Amino acid sequence: MASYFVVQSFTSGKGGTFPDAPIQAQSLHQARRVAERLSLKKSMVIAFMRDGNPKTGDYGDPKLIFAKGDDLPEEVAEMERA
């Protein structure tokens, strides 16, 4: 199994909040740094990691690395911490 680190930011505008392109990081530390930096400009940022096997499609539950924003989804608050 491999670990995958993803940073997802969101931009607020007319009509709501929209996801930006996700960023794949190489490590937990890099994901946290990128998320912290983006949180200074973006309305919401969530960074998480997942262990999985892309060949079989088997992935574990996501683990939260970083989250900041006014309207964080309830699922984010309930995520296990990395």
PDB file of N, CA and C in Angstrom:
ATOM      1  N   MET A   1       0.836  -1.189   0.000  1.00  0.00           N
ATOM      2  CA  MET A   1       0.000   0.000   0.000  1.00  0.00           C
ATOM      3  C   MET A   1       0.875   1.244   0.000  1.00  0.00           C
ATOM      4  N   ALA A   2       0.353   2.294  -0.569  1.00  0.00           N
ATOM      5  CA  ALA A   2       1.047   3.577  -0.633  1.00  0.00           C
ATOM      6  C   ALA A   2       0.209   4.625   0.077  1.00  0.00           C
ATOM      7  N   SER A   3       0.862   5.676   0.520  1.00  0.00           N
ATOM      8  CA  SER A   3       0.159   6.796   1.147  1.00  0.00           C
ATOM      9  C   SER A   3       0.039   7.924   0.135  1.00  0.00           C
ATOM     10  N   TYR A   4      -1.148   8.526   0.094  1.00  0.00           N
ATOM     11  CA  TYR A   4      -1.423   9.635  -0.804  1.00  0.00           C
ATOM     12  C   TYR A   4      -1.812  10.847   0.033  1.00  0.00           C
ATOM     13  N   PHE A   5      -1.253  12.007  -0.331  1.00  0.00           N
ATOM     14  CA  PHE A   5      -1.472  13.246   0.402  1.00  0.00           C
ATOM     15  C   PHE A   5      -2.103  14.254  -0.546  1.00  0.00           C
ATOM     16  N   VAL A   6      -3.252  14.794  -0.150  1.00  0.00           N
ATOM     17  CA  VAL A   6      -4.003  15.688  -1.028  1.00  0.00           C
ATOM     18  C   VAL A   6      -4.368  16.968  -0.282  1.00  0.00           C
ATOM     19  N   VAL A   7      -4.227  18.093  -0.979  1.00  0.00           N
ATOM     20  CA  VAL A   7      -4.656  19.391  -0.463  1.00  0.00           C
ATOM     21  C   VAL A   7      -5.770  19.881  -1.388  1.00  0.00           C
ATOM     22  N   GLN A   8      -6.927  20.154  -0.804  1.00  0.00           N
ATOM     23  CA  GLN A   8      -8.068  20.653  -1.575  1.00  0.00           C
ATOM     24  C   GLN A   8      -8.439  22.029  -1.052  1.00  0.00           C
ATOM     25  N   SER A   9      -8.339  23.030  -1.913  1.00  0.00           N
ATOM     26  CA  SER A   9      -8.741  24.385  -1.532  1.00  0.00           C
ATOM     27  C   SER A   9     -10.040  24.735  -2.250  1.00  0.00           C
ATOM     28  N   PHE A  10     -10.695  25.763  -1.739  1.00  0.00           N
ATOM     29  CA  PHE A  10     -11.974  26.218  -2.281  1.00  0.00           C
ATOM     30  C   PHE A  10     -11.949  27.733  -2.390  1.00  0.00           C
ATOM     31  N   THR A  11     -12.610  28.250  -3.420  1.00  0.00           N
ATOM     32  CA  THR A  11     -12.710  29.681  -3.645  1.00  0.00           C
ATOM     33  C   THR A  11     -14.173  30.094  -3.562  1.00  0.00           C
ATOM     34  N   SER A  12     -14.458  31.135  -2.800  1.00  0.00           N
ATOM     35  CA  SER A  12     -15.823  31.657  -2.696  1.00  0.00           C
ATOM     36  C   SER A  12     -16.015  32.764  -3.713  1.00  0.00           C
ATOM     37  N   GLY A  13     -17.202  32.789  -4.278  1.00  0.00           N
ATOM     38  CA  GLY A  13     -17.525  33.821  -5.248  1.00  0.00           C
ATOM     39  C   GLY A  13     -19.022  33.930  -5.395  1.00  0.00           C
ATOM     40  N   LYS A  14     -19.437  34.664  -6.382  1.00  0.00           N
ATOM     41  CA  LYS A  14     -20.863  34.788  -6.651  1.00  0.00           C
ATOM     42  C   LYS A  14     -21.404  33.399  -6.966  1.00  0.00           C
ATOM     43  N   GLY A  15     -22.425  33.020  -6.281  1.00  0.00           N
ATOM     44  CA  GLY A  15     -23.031  31.720  -6.540  1.00  0.00           C
ATOM     45  C   GLY A  15     -22.545  30.608  -5.641  1.00  0.00           C
ATOM     46  N   GLY A  16     -21.598  30.885  -4.741  1.00  0.00           N
ATOM     47  CA  GLY A  16     -21.212  29.840  -3.811  1.00  0.00           C
ATOM     48  C   GLY A  16     -19.723  29.627  -3.672  1.00  0.00           C
ATOM     49  N   THR A  17     -19.381  28.482  -3.135  1.00  0.00           N
ATOM     50  CA  THR A  17     -17.994  28.084  -2.917  1.00  0.00           C
ATOM     51  C   THR A  17     -17.672  26.964  -3.890  1.00  0.00           C
ATOM     52  N   PHE A  18     -16.533  27.095  -4.571  1.00  0.00           N
ATOM     53  CA  PHE A  18     -16.185  26.147  -5.618  1.00  0.00           C
ATOM     54  C   PHE A  18     -14.818  25.521  -5.354  1.00  0.00           C
ATOM     55  N   PRO A  19     -14.680  24.229  -5.626  1.00  0.00           N
ATOM     56  CA  PRO A  19     -13.387  23.572  -5.404  1.00  0.00           C
ATOM     57  C   PRO A  19     -12.366  23.995  -6.454  1.00  0.00           C
ATOM     58  N   ASP A  20     -11.144  24.187  -6.012  1.00  0.00           N
ATOM     59  CA  ASP A  20     -10.023  24.415  -6.912  1.00  0.00           C
ATOM     60  C   ASP A  20      -9.473  23.045  -7.318  1.00  0.00           C
ATOM     61  N   ALA A  21      -8.518  23.033  -8.202  1.00  0.00           N
ATOM     62  CA  ALA A  21      -7.879  21.774  -8.584  1.00  0.00           C
ATOM     63  C   ALA A  21      -7.146  21.211  -7.361  1.00  0.00           C
ATOM     64  N   PRO A  22      -7.306  19.922  -7.069  1.00  0.00           N
ATOM     65  CA  PRO A  22      -6.602  19.339  -5.928  1.00  0.00           C
ATOM     66  C   PRO A  22      -5.095  19.297  -6.195  1.00  0.00           C
ATOM     67  N   ILE A  23      -4.325  19.364  -5.130  1.00  0.00           N
ATOM     68  CA  ILE A  23      -2.869  19.328  -5.214  1.00  0.00           C
ATOM     69  C   ILE A  23      -2.399  18.065  -4.508  1.00  0.00           C
ATOM     70  N   GLN A  24      -1.608  17.257  -5.200  1.00  0.00           N
ATOM     71  CA  GLN A  24      -1.045  16.069  -4.560  1.00  0.00           C
ATOM     72  C   GLN A  24       0.315  16.445  -3.988  1.00  0.00           C
ATOM     73  N   ALA A  25       0.521  16.136  -2.720  1.00  0.00           N
ATOM     74  CA  ALA A  25       1.783  16.411  -2.045  1.00  0.00           C
ATOM     75  C   ALA A  25       2.577  15.110  -1.919  1.00  0.00           C
ATOM     76  N   GLN A  26       3.855  15.245  -1.643  1.00  0.00           N
ATOM     77  CA  GLN A  26       4.734  14.085  -1.533  1.00  0.00           C
ATOM     78  C   GLN A  26       4.862  13.550  -0.111  1.00  0.00           C
ATOM     79  N   SER A  27       4.428  14.347   0.870  1.00  0.00           N
ATOM     80  CA  SER A  27       4.557  13.922   2.270  1.00  0.00           C
ATOM     81  C   SER A  27       3.521  14.652   3.122  1.00  0.00           C
ATOM     82  N   LEU A  28       3.341  14.166   4.326  1.00  0.00           N
ATOM     83  CA  LEU A  28       2.436  14.803   5.275  1.00  0.00           C
ATOM     84  C   LEU A  28       2.921  16.228   5.558  1.00  0.00           C
ATOM     85  N   HIS A  29       4.210  16.380   5.755  1.00  0.00           N
ATOM     86  CA  HIS A  29       4.778  17.698   6.058  1.00  0.00           C
ATOM     87  C   HIS A  29       4.529  18.683   4.910  1.00  0.00           C
ATOM     88  N   GLN A  30       4.754  18.249   3.678  1.00  0.00           N
ATOM     89  CA  GLN A  30       4.521  19.122   2.533  1.00  0.00           C
ATOM     90  C   GLN A  30       3.039  19.479   2.397  1.00  0.00           C
ATOM     91  N   ALA A  31       2.162  18.512   2.612  1.00  0.00           N
ATOM     92  CA  ALA A  31       0.721  18.771   2.527  1.00  0.00           C
ATOM     93  C   ALA A  31       0.305  19.825   3.543  1.00  0.00           C
ATOM     94  N   ARG A  32       0.827  19.716   4.763  1.00  0.00           N
ATOM     95  CA  ARG A  32       0.503  20.694   5.801  1.00  0.00           C
ATOM     96  C   ARG A  32       1.005  22.082   5.420  1.00  0.00           C
ATOM     97  N   ARG A  33       2.242  22.175   4.919  1.00  0.00           N
ATOM     98  CA  ARG A  33       2.810  23.474   4.536  1.00  0.00           C
ATOM     99  C   ARG A  33       2.004  24.128   3.417  1.00  0.00           C
ATOM    100  N   VAL A  34       1.663  23.342   2.401  1.00  0.00           N
ATOM    101  CA  VAL A  34       0.889  23.872   1.275  1.00  0.00           C
ATOM    102  C   VAL A  34      -0.490  24.340   1.752  1.00  0.00           C
ATOM    103  N   ALA A  35      -1.139  23.543   2.589  1.00  0.00           N
ATOM    104  CA  ALA A  35      -2.471  23.889   3.098  1.00  0.00           C
ATOM    105  C   ALA A  35      -2.425  25.160   3.944  1.00  0.00           C
ATOM    106  N   GLU A  36      -1.427  25.264   4.807  1.00  0.00           N
ATOM    107  CA  GLU A  36      -1.303  26.460   5.643  1.00  0.00           C
ATOM    108  C   GLU A  36      -1.098  27.706   4.784  1.00  0.00           C
ATOM    109  N   ARG A  37      -0.275  27.588   3.752  1.00  0.00           N
ATOM    110  CA  ARG A  37      -0.009  28.729   2.871  1.00  0.00           C
ATOM    111  C   ARG A  37      -1.274  29.115   2.095  1.00  0.00           C
ATOM    112  N   LEU A  38      -1.990  28.125   1.563  1.00  0.00           N
ATOM    113  CA  LEU A  38      -3.217  28.413   0.817  1.00  0.00           C
ATOM    114  C   LEU A  38      -4.314  29.001   1.706  1.00  0.00           C
ATOM    115  N   SER A  39      -4.321  28.612   2.983  1.00  0.00           N
ATOM    116  CA  SER A  39      -5.379  29.089   3.883  1.00  0.00           C
ATOM    117  C   SER A  39      -5.321  30.599   4.113  1.00  0.00           C
ATOM    118  N   LEU A  40      -4.210  31.220   3.771  1.00  0.00           N
ATOM    119  CA  LEU A  40      -4.099  32.675   3.894  1.00  0.00           C
ATOM    120  C   LEU A  40      -4.878  33.392   2.792  1.00  0.00           C
ATOM    121  N   LYS A  41      -5.165  32.669   1.680  1.00  0.00           N
ATOM    122  CA  LYS A  41      -5.822  33.291   0.525  1.00  0.00           C
ATOM    123  C   LYS A  41      -7.186  32.693   0.196  1.00  0.00           C
ATOM    124  N   LYS A  42      -7.403  31.464   0.572  1.00  0.00           N
ATOM    125  CA  LYS A  42      -8.598  30.736   0.150  1.00  0.00           C
ATOM    126  C   LYS A  42      -9.650  30.709   1.254  1.00  0.00           C
ATOM    127  N   SER A  43     -10.914  30.547   0.867  1.00  0.00           N
ATOM    128  CA  SER A  43     -12.002  30.551   1.844  1.00  0.00           C
ATOM    129  C   SER A  43     -12.046  29.263   2.666  1.00  0.00           C
ATOM    130  N   MET A  44     -11.547  28.168   2.105  1.00  0.00           N
ATOM    131  CA  MET A  44     -11.519  26.904   2.830  1.00  0.00           C
ATOM    132  C   MET A  44     -10.397  26.046   2.256  1.00  0.00           C
ATOM    133  N   VAL A  45      -9.692  25.342   3.145  1.00  0.00           N
ATOM    134  CA  VAL A  45      -8.633  24.428   2.727  1.00  0.00           C
ATOM    135  C   VAL A  45      -8.706  23.184   3.599  1.00  0.00           C
ATOM    136  N   ILE A  46      -8.619  22.020   2.946  1.00  0.00           N
ATOM    137  CA  ILE A  46      -8.615  20.745   3.652  1.00  0.00           C
ATOM    138  C   ILE A  46      -7.458  19.924   3.097  1.00  0.00           C
ATOM    139  N   ALA A  47      -6.622  19.393   3.975  1.00  0.00           N
ATOM    140  CA  ALA A  47      -5.552  18.485   3.567  1.00  0.00           C
ATOM    141  C   ALA A  47      -5.788  17.150   4.270  1.00  0.00           C
ATOM    142  N   PHE A  48      -5.632  16.080   3.524  1.00  0.00           N
ATOM    143  CA  PHE A  48      -5.839  14.753   4.111  1.00  0.00           C
ATOM    144  C   PHE A  48      -4.916  13.743   3.458  1.00  0.00           C
ATOM    145  N   MET A  49      -4.799  12.596   4.095  1.00  0.00           N
ATOM    146  CA  MET A  49      -4.010  11.499   3.549  1.00  0.00           C
ATOM    147  C   MET A  49      -4.862  10.244   3.513  1.00  0.00           C
ATOM    148  N   ARG A  50      -4.481   9.350   2.621  1.00  0.00           N
ATOM    149  CA  ARG A  50      -5.166   8.068   2.479  1.00  0.00           C
ATOM    150  C   ARG A  50      -4.151   7.016   2.097  1.00  0.00           C
ATOM    151  N   ASP A  51      -4.262   5.859   2.704  1.00  0.00           N
ATOM    152  CA  ASP A  51      -3.458   4.717   2.299  1.00  0.00           C
ATOM    153  C   ASP A  51      -4.279   3.905   1.325  1.00  0.00           C
ATOM    154  N   GLY A  52      -3.631   3.390   0.293  1.00  0.00           N
ATOM    155  CA  GLY A  52      -4.403   2.610  -0.659  1.00  0.00           C
ATOM    156  C   GLY A  52      -3.562   1.933  -1.718  1.00  0.00           C
ATOM    157  N   ASN A  53      -4.252   1.138  -2.501  1.00  0.00           N
ATOM    158  CA  ASN A  53      -3.631   0.410  -3.588  1.00  0.00           C
ATOM    159  C   ASN A  53      -4.383   0.760  -4.874  1.00  0.00           C
ATOM    160  N   PRO A  54      -3.783   1.580  -5.737  1.00  0.00           N
ATOM    161  CA  PRO A  54      -4.501   1.990  -6.948  1.00  0.00           C
ATOM    162  C   PRO A  54      -4.780   0.837  -7.915  1.00  0.00           C
ATOM    163  N   LYS A  55      -3.994  -0.221  -7.846  1.00  0.00           N
ATOM    164  CA  LYS A  55      -4.225  -1.367  -8.740  1.00  0.00           C
ATOM    165  C   LYS A  55      -5.506  -2.108  -8.398  1.00  0.00           C
ATOM    166  N   THR A  56      -5.808  -2.190  -7.099  1.00  0.00           N
ATOM    167  CA  THR A  56      -7.010  -2.914  -6.673  1.00  0.00           C
ATOM    168  C   THR A  56      -8.170  -1.978  -6.367  1.00  0.00           C
ATOM    169  N   GLY A  57      -7.868  -0.679  -6.190  1.00  0.00           N
ATOM    170  CA  GLY A  57      -8.919   0.274  -5.846  1.00  0.00           C
ATOM    171  C   GLY A  57      -9.282   0.257  -4.370  1.00  0.00           C
ATOM    172  N   ASP A  58      -8.487  -0.443  -3.564  1.00  0.00           N
ATOM    173  CA  ASP A  58      -8.739  -0.506  -2.119  1.00  0.00           C
ATOM    174  C   ASP A  58      -8.044   0.664  -1.424  1.00  0.00           C
ATOM    175  N   TYR A  59      -8.835   1.482  -0.739  1.00  0.00           N
ATOM    176  CA  TYR A  59      -8.305   2.635  -0.019  1.00  0.00           C
ATOM    177  C   TYR A  59      -8.876   2.666   1.382  1.00  0.00           C
ATOM    178  N   GLY A  60      -8.057   3.097   2.322  1.00  0.00           N
ATOM    179  CA  GLY A  60      -8.515   3.262   3.688  1.00  0.00           C
ATOM    180  C   GLY A  60      -9.266   4.570   3.846  1.00  0.00           C
ATOM    181  N   ASP A  61      -9.786   4.785   5.035  1.00  0.00           N
ATOM    182  CA  ASP A  61     -10.481   6.036   5.321  1.00  0.00           C
ATOM    183  C   ASP A  61      -9.486   7.196   5.312  1.00  0.00           C
ATOM    184  N   PRO A  62      -9.917   8.372   4.862  1.00  0.00           N
ATOM    185  CA  PRO A  62      -9.022   9.525   4.884  1.00  0.00           C
ATOM    186  C   PRO A  62      -8.730   9.972   6.311  1.00  0.00           C
ATOM    187  N   LYS A  63      -7.533  10.508   6.505  1.00  0.00           N
ATOM    188  CA  LYS A  63      -7.126  11.053   7.805  1.00  0.00           C
ATOM    189  C   LYS A  63      -6.785  12.520   7.612  1.00  0.00           C
ATOM    190  N   LEU A  64      -7.338  13.342   8.466  1.00  0.00           N
ATOM    191  CA  LEU A  64      -7.202  14.792   8.342  1.00  0.00           C
ATOM    192  C   LEU A  64      -5.808  15.257   8.757  1.00  0.00           C
ATOM    193  N   ILE A  65      -5.220  16.083   7.915  1.00  0.00           N
ATOM    194  CA  ILE A  65      -3.932  16.712   8.210  1.00  0.00           C
ATOM    195  C   ILE A  65      -4.143  18.156   8.641  1.00  0.00           C
ATOM    196  N   PHE A  66      -5.027  18.871   7.925  1.00  0.00           N
ATOM    197  CA  PHE A  66      -5.234  20.300   8.175  1.00  0.00           C
ATOM    198  C   PHE A  66      -6.612  20.681   7.651  1.00  0.00           C
ATOM    199  N   ALA A  67      -7.288  21.558   8.349  1.00  0.00           N
ATOM    200  CA  ALA A  67      -8.569  22.090   7.874  1.00  0.00           C
ATOM    201  C   ALA A  67      -8.764  23.493   8.422  1.00  0.00           C
ATOM    202  N   LYS A  68      -9.160  24.400   7.543  1.00  0.00           N
ATOM    203  CA  LYS A  68      -9.451  25.768   7.966  1.00  0.00           C
ATOM    204  C   LYS A  68     -10.487  26.346   7.022  1.00  0.00           C
ATOM    205  N   GLY A  69     -11.491  26.984   7.588  1.00  0.00           N
ATOM    206  CA  GLY A  69     -12.519  27.622   6.782  1.00  0.00           C
ATOM    207  C   GLY A  69     -13.754  27.889   7.614  1.00  0.00           C
ATOM    208  N   ASP A  70     -14.597  28.765   7.106  1.00  0.00           N
ATOM    209  CA  ASP A  70     -15.798  29.158   7.834  1.00  0.00           C
ATOM    210  C   ASP A  70     -16.887  28.095   7.801  1.00  0.00           C
ATOM    211  N   ASP A  71     -17.017  27.421   6.689  1.00  0.00           N
ATOM    212  CA  ASP A  71     -18.112  26.465   6.526  1.00  0.00           C
ATOM    213  C   ASP A  71     -17.590  25.054   6.278  1.00  0.00           C
ATOM    214  N   LEU A  72     -16.725  24.581   7.171  1.00  0.00           N
ATOM    215  CA  LEU A  72     -16.189  23.230   7.004  1.00  0.00           C
ATOM    216  C   LEU A  72     -17.314  22.203   7.105  1.00  0.00           C
ATOM    217  N   PRO A  73     -17.336  21.236   6.208  1.00  0.00           N
ATOM    218  CA  PRO A  73     -18.367  20.200   6.273  1.00  0.00           C
ATOM    219  C   PRO A  73     -18.254  19.387   7.568  1.00  0.00           C
ATOM    220  N   GLU A  74     -19.368  18.889   8.038  1.00  0.00           N
ATOM    221  CA  GLU A  74     -19.400  18.091   9.263  1.00  0.00           C
ATOM    222  C   GLU A  74     -18.485  16.866   9.155  1.00  0.00           C
ATOM    223  N   GLU A  75     -18.391  16.300   7.960  1.00  0.00           N
ATOM    224  CA  GLU A  75     -17.545  15.124   7.755  1.00  0.00           C
ATOM    225  C   GLU A  75     -16.082  15.409   8.081  1.00  0.00           C
ATOM    226  N   VAL A  76     -15.650  16.636   7.846  1.00  0.00           N
ATOM    227  CA  VAL A  76     -14.260  17.007   8.118  1.00  0.00           C
ATOM    228  C   VAL A  76     -14.017  17.001   9.624  1.00  0.00           C
ATOM    229  N   ALA A  77     -14.933  17.533  10.393  1.00  0.00           N
ATOM    230  CA  ALA A  77     -14.792  17.561  11.850  1.00  0.00           C
ATOM    231  C   ALA A  77     -14.743  16.147  12.431  1.00  0.00           C
ATOM    232  N   GLU A  78     -15.404  15.207  11.735  1.00  0.00           N
ATOM    233  CA  GLU A  78     -15.469  13.832  12.233  1.00  0.00           C
ATOM    234  C   GLU A  78     -14.322  12.953  11.767  1.00  0.00           C
ATOM    235  N   MET A  79     -13.462  13.478  10.870  1.00  0.00           N
ATOM    236  CA  MET A  79     -12.353  12.677  10.338  1.00  0.00           C
ATOM    237  C   MET A  79     -11.316  12.380  11.411  1.00  0.00           C
ATOM    238  N   GLU A  80     -10.762  11.190  11.338  1.00  0.00           N
ATOM    239  CA  GLU A  80      -9.627  10.829  12.196  1.00  0.00           C
ATOM    240  C   GLU A  80      -8.459  11.721  11.836  1.00  0.00           C
ATOM    241  N   ARG A  81      -7.665  12.091  12.826  1.00  0.00           N
ATOM    242  CA  ARG A  81      -6.496  12.958  12.587  1.00  0.00           C
ATOM    243  C   ARG A  81      -5.290  12.127  12.204  1.00  0.00           C
ATOM    244  N   ALA A  82      -4.479  12.672  11.297  1.00  0.00           N
ATOM    245  CA  ALA A  82      -3.248  11.994  10.866  1.00  0.00           C
ATOM    246  C   ALA A  82      -2.160  12.215  11.886  1.00  0.00           C
TER     247      ALA A  82
END
